[in-house]
C-alpha atoms as a PDB file:
ATOM      1  CA  UNK A   1     132.831 106.614  93.732  1.00  0.00           C
ATOM      2  CA  UNK A   2     131.942 105.116  97.066  1.00  0.00           C
ATOM      3  CA  UNK A   3     128.419 105.065  98.752  1.00  0.00           C
ATOM      4  CA  UNK A   4     128.340 104.625 102.406  1.00  0.00           C
ATOM      5  CA  UNK A   5     124.557 104.156 103.435  1.00  0.00           C
ATOM      6  CA  UNK A   6     123.573 103.786 106.970  1.00  0.00           C
ATOM      7  CA  UNK A   7     119.922 103.153 108.098  1.00  0.00           C
ATOM      8  CA  UNK A   8     117.962 102.413 110.952  1.00  0.00           C
ATOM      9  CA  UNK A   9     115.798 104.316 113.287  1.00  0.00           C
ATOM     10  CA  UNK A  10     117.677 106.614 115.670  1.00  0.00           C
ATOM     11  CA  UNK A  11     114.758 106.954 117.791  1.00  0.00           C
ATOM     12  CA  UNK A  12     114.959 102.998 118.578  1.00  0.00           C
ATOM     13  CA  UNK A  13     118.079 102.385 120.730  1.00  0.00           C
ATOM     14  CA  UNK A  14     120.548 100.273 118.929  1.00  0.00           C
ATOM     15  CA  UNK A  15     118.588 100.464 115.680  1.00  0.00           C
ATOM     16  CA  UNK A  16     120.076 103.906 115.200  1.00  0.00           C
ATOM     17  CA  UNK A  17     123.627 102.552 114.935  1.00  0.00           C
ATOM     18  CA  UNK A  18     123.686 102.843 111.078  1.00  0.00           C
ATOM     19  CA  UNK A  19     122.738 106.631 110.919  1.00  0.00           C
ATOM     20  CA  UNK A  20     124.875 107.393 113.815  1.00  0.00           C
ATOM     21  CA  UNK A  21     128.071 105.873 112.774  1.00  0.00           C
ATOM     22  CA  UNK A  22     127.745 107.083 108.820  1.00  0.00           C
ATOM     23  CA  UNK A  23     127.241 110.736 110.299  1.00  0.00           C
ATOM     24  CA  UNK A  24     130.326 110.283 112.338  1.00  0.00           C
ATOM     25  CA  UNK A  25     132.292 109.181 109.024  1.00  0.00           C
ATOM     26  CA  UNK A  26     130.547 112.460 107.107  1.00  0.00           C
ATOM     27  CA  UNK A  27     132.047 114.544 109.976  1.00  0.00           C
ATOM     28  CA  UNK A  28     135.409 113.036 109.330  1.00  0.00           C
ATOM     29  CA  UNK A  29     137.637 114.367 106.686  1.00  0.00           C
ATOM     30  CA  UNK A  30     137.218 111.863 103.608  1.00  0.00           C
ATOM     31  CA  UNK A  31     138.059 111.635 100.222  1.00  0.00           C
ATOM     32  CA  UNK A  32     135.882 113.539  97.350  1.00  0.00           C
ATOM     33  CA  UNK A  33     134.682 110.360  95.872  1.00  0.00           C
ATOM     34  CA  UNK A  34     132.814 109.195  99.043  1.00  0.00           C
ATOM     35  CA  UNK A  35     129.349 110.109  99.585  1.00  0.00           C
ATOM     36  CA  UNK A  36     127.335 109.254 102.767  1.00  0.00           C
ATOM     37  CA  UNK A  37     123.336 108.974 103.125  1.00  0.00           C
ATOM     38  CA  UNK A  38     121.559 108.305 106.365  1.00  0.00           C
ATOM     39  CA  UNK A  39     118.068 106.938 106.108  1.00  0.00           C
ATOM     40  CA  UNK A  40     115.124 105.203 108.208  1.00  0.00           C
ATOM     41  CA  UNK A  41     114.917 102.564 105.716  1.00  0.00           C
ATOM     42  CA  UNK A  42     115.831 101.279 102.218  1.00  0.00           C
ATOM     43  CA  UNK A  43     113.492 102.399  99.560  1.00  0.00           C
ATOM     44  CA  UNK A  44     113.404 101.477  95.762  1.00  0.00           C
ATOM     45  CA  UNK A  45     114.187 105.196  94.784  1.00  0.00           C
ATOM     46  CA  UNK A  46     117.765 104.448  96.130  1.00  0.00           C
ATOM     47  CA  UNK A  47     118.409 102.079  93.109  1.00  0.00           C
ATOM     48  CA  UNK A  48     119.711 104.928  90.766  1.00  0.00           C
ATOM     49  CA  UNK A  49     122.342 106.127  93.312  1.00  0.00           C
ATOM     50  CA  UNK A  50     123.487 102.735  93.947  1.00  0.00           C
ATOM     51  CA  UNK A  51     123.764 102.035  90.394  1.00  0.00           C
ATOM     52  CA  UNK A  52     125.940 104.741  89.775  1.00  0.00           C
ATOM     53  CA  UNK A  53     128.541 104.031  92.761  1.00  0.00           C
ATOM     54  CA  UNK A  54     131.569 101.624  92.139  1.00  0.00           C
ATOM     55  CA  UNK A  55     131.036 100.359  95.904  1.00  0.00           C
ATOM     56  CA  UNK A  56     128.214 100.720  98.186  1.00  0.00           C
ATOM     57  CA  UNK A  57     128.746 100.199 101.812  1.00  0.00           C
ATOM     58  CA  UNK A  58     125.631  99.681 103.884  1.00  0.00           C
ATOM     59  CA  UNK A  59     125.620  99.788 107.696  1.00  0.00           C
ATOM     60  CA  UNK A  60     122.499  98.519 110.058  1.00  0.00           C
ATOM     61  CA  UNK A  61     121.706  96.854 113.202  1.00  0.00           C
ATOM     62  CA  UNK A  62     120.774  93.411 113.576  1.00  0.00           C
ATOM     63  CA  UNK A  63     118.257  91.777 116.078  1.00  0.00           C
ATOM     64  CA  UNK A  64     120.102  88.782 117.426  1.00  0.00           C
ATOM     65  CA  UNK A  65     123.415  87.515 118.077  1.00  0.00           C
ATOM     66  CA  UNK A  66     126.110  88.681 120.713  1.00  0.00           C
ATOM     67  CA  UNK A  67     125.496  92.648 121.529  1.00  0.00           C
ATOM     68  CA  UNK A  68     128.128  94.534 119.876  1.00  0.00           C
ATOM     69  CA  UNK A  69     129.120  91.767 117.480  1.00  0.00           C
ATOM     70  CA  UNK A  70     130.150  93.266 114.086  1.00  0.00           C
ATOM     71  CA  UNK A  71     129.749  91.442 110.839  1.00  0.00           C
ATOM     72  CA  UNK A  72     130.507  92.517 107.141  1.00  0.00           C
ATOM     73  CA  UNK A  73     129.228  90.413 104.283  1.00  0.00           C
ATOM     74  CA  UNK A  74     129.991  90.931 100.680  1.00  0.00           C
ATOM     75  CA  UNK A  75     126.502  91.001  98.788  1.00  0.00           C
ATOM     76  CA  UNK A  76     126.515  88.835  95.831  1.00  0.00           C
ATOM     77  CA  UNK A  77     123.497  88.368  93.185  1.00  0.00           C
ATOM     78  CA  UNK A  78     122.814  85.440  91.177  1.00  0.00           C
ATOM     79  CA  UNK A  79     124.458  85.265  87.688  1.00  0.00           C
ATOM     80  CA  UNK A  80     121.452  86.026  85.842  1.00  0.00           C
ATOM     81  CA  UNK A  81     118.989  89.067  86.610  1.00  0.00           C
ATOM     82  CA  UNK A  82     115.734  88.200  87.502  1.00  0.00           C
ATOM     83  CA  UNK A  83     112.603  89.726  85.507  1.00  0.00           C
ATOM     84  CA  UNK A  84     111.383  91.244  88.605  1.00  0.00           C
ATOM     85  CA  UNK A  85     113.195  92.632  91.736  1.00  0.00           C
ATOM     86  CA  UNK A  86     111.830  91.175  94.976  1.00  0.00           C
ATOM     87  CA  UNK A  87     110.321  93.989  96.734  1.00  0.00           C
ATOM     88  CA  UNK A  88     110.779  96.506  93.859  1.00  0.00           C
ATOM     89  CA  UNK A  89     107.446  98.137  94.421  1.00  0.00           C
ATOM     90  CA  UNK A  90     107.121  98.046  97.974  1.00  0.00           C
ATOM     91  CA  UNK A  91     108.274 100.903 100.205  1.00  0.00           C
ATOM     92  CA  UNK A  92     110.706  98.792 102.224  1.00  0.00           C
ATOM     93  CA  UNK A  93     113.688  96.440 100.655  1.00  0.00           C
ATOM     94  CA  UNK A  94     116.724  94.768 101.965  1.00  0.00           C
ATOM     95  CA  UNK A  95     120.215  95.689 100.744  1.00  0.00           C
ATOM     96  CA  UNK A  96     120.385  92.698  98.331  1.00  0.00           C
ATOM     97  CA  UNK A  97     116.954  93.699  96.769  1.00  0.00           C
ATOM     98  CA  UNK A  98     118.000  97.008  96.402  1.00  0.00           C
ATOM     99  CA  UNK A  99     121.322  95.759  94.136  1.00  0.00           C
ATOM    100  CA  UNK A 100     119.176  93.448  92.196  1.00  0.00           C
ATOM    101  CA  UNK A 101     116.620  96.540  91.350  1.00  0.00           C
ATOM    102  CA  UNK A 102     119.538  98.628  90.295  1.00  0.00           C
ATOM    103  CA  UNK A 103     120.666  95.677  87.962  1.00  0.00           C
ATOM    104  CA  UNK A 104     117.138  95.509  86.669  1.00  0.00           C
ATOM    105  CA  UNK A 105     116.103  99.235  86.305  1.00  0.00           C
ATOM    106  CA  UNK A 106     119.776 100.431  85.307  1.00  0.00           C
ATOM    107  CA  UNK A 107     121.787  97.463  83.902  1.00  0.00           C
ATOM    108  CA  UNK A 108     124.661  97.777  86.727  1.00  0.00           C
ATOM    109  CA  UNK A 109     125.124  97.136  90.248  1.00  0.00           C
ATOM    110  CA  UNK A 110     128.028  97.947  92.490  1.00  0.00           C
ATOM    111  CA  UNK A 111     130.366  95.939  94.492  1.00  0.00           C
ATOM    112  CA  UNK A 112     128.496  95.875  98.170  1.00  0.00           C
ATOM    113  CA  UNK A 113     129.173  95.020 101.591  1.00  0.00           C
ATOM    114  CA  UNK A 114     126.539  94.902 104.449  1.00  0.00           C
ATOM    115  CA  UNK A 115     128.112  95.887 108.070  1.00  0.00           C
ATOM    116  CA  UNK A 116     125.739  94.676 110.752  1.00  0.00           C
ATOM    117  CA  UNK A 117     126.007  95.541 114.531  1.00  0.00           C
ATOM    118  CA  UNK A 118     124.099  93.159 116.929  1.00  0.00           C
ATOM    119  CA  UNK A 119     121.966  95.067 118.937  1.00  0.00           C
ATOM    120  CA  UNK A 120     120.144  94.283 122.207  1.00  0.00           C
ATOM    121  CA  UNK A 121     117.770  97.351 122.832  1.00  0.00           C
ATOM    122  CA  UNK A 122     115.257  98.574 120.211  1.00  0.00           C
ATOM    123  CA  UNK A 123     112.912  99.964 122.350  1.00  0.00           C
ATOM    124  CA  UNK A 124     112.035 103.850 122.141  1.00  0.00           C
ATOM    125  CA  UNK A 125     114.930 106.072 123.129  1.00  0.00           C
ATOM    126  CA  UNK A 126     118.238 107.818 121.620  1.00  0.00           C
ATOM    127  CA  UNK A 127     120.770 105.715 123.217  1.00  0.00           C
ATOM    128  CA  UNK A 128     122.737 102.827 122.538  1.00  0.00           C
ATOM    129  CA  UNK A 129     123.411  99.511 124.758  1.00  0.00           C
ATOM    130  CA  UNK A 130     126.307  99.517 126.354  1.00  0.00           C
ATOM    131  CA  UNK A 131     127.555  96.649 123.894  1.00  0.00           C
ATOM    132  CA  UNK A 132     126.735  98.661 120.765  1.00  0.00           C
ATOM    133  CA  UNK A 133     128.329 101.597 122.333  1.00  0.00           C
ATOM    134  CA  UNK A 134     131.692  99.671 122.963  1.00  0.00           C
ATOM    135  CA  UNK A 135     131.650  98.668 119.354  1.00  0.00           C
ATOM    136  CA  UNK A 136     131.407 102.083 118.015  1.00  0.00           C
ATOM    137  CA  UNK A 137     135.314 102.593 117.735  1.00  0.00           C
ATOM    138  CA  UNK A 138     135.766  99.287 116.150  1.00  0.00           C
ATOM    139  CA  UNK A 139     132.901  99.670 113.821  1.00  0.00           C
ATOM    140  CA  UNK A 140     134.278 103.178 112.720  1.00  0.00           C
ATOM    141  CA  UNK A 141     137.792 101.863 112.179  1.00  0.00           C
ATOM    142  CA  UNK A 142     136.254  98.684 109.880  1.00  0.00           C
ATOM    143  CA  UNK A 143     134.312 101.174 107.769  1.00  0.00           C
ATOM    144  CA  UNK A 144     137.201 103.607 107.451  1.00  0.00           C
ATOM    145  CA  UNK A 145     139.624 100.573 106.259  1.00  0.00           C
ATOM    146  CA  UNK A 146     136.857  99.275 103.999  1.00  0.00           C
ATOM    147  CA  UNK A 147     136.289 102.809 102.379  1.00  0.00           C
ATOM    148  CA  UNK A 148     140.319 103.053 102.127  1.00  0.00           C
ATOM    149  CA  UNK A 149     140.483  99.495 100.536  1.00  0.00           C
ATOM    150  CA  UNK A 150     137.527 100.353  98.129  1.00  0.00           C
ATOM    151  CA  UNK A 151     139.377 103.532  96.830  1.00  0.00           C
ATOM    152  CA  UNK A 152     141.882 101.499  95.046  1.00  0.00           C
END
């Protein structure tokens, strides 16, 4: 199963890019083995569904860089599990910490990728900056390609 998680605040300009694109992907016809989540932030409670996935794709906004620039990084964990996951008992964690929590609590973690889009405007409002808006088609294409490759 592939789990696609878009997170960020849709009421803070470019920060809403993650939920927006994941909602768009979910609206498209997609394979039965793909699940979509849109959230304001990552929390430790997501460790269980993350641990059940074969692949997790995270989508978020980045503060800094060239507006609209898309980056994708494969997330890796250390060879040895830690005794405690960083941020495991807080209400906000990052994608790598969430993978570590899944490994700590459930004994497994999926292959994971983090897509980030550099934003410019994180002020109150529900519209994207022009740079992020223009990056949307490419981001959607890249996500669809990653999902397709992960199905194999």
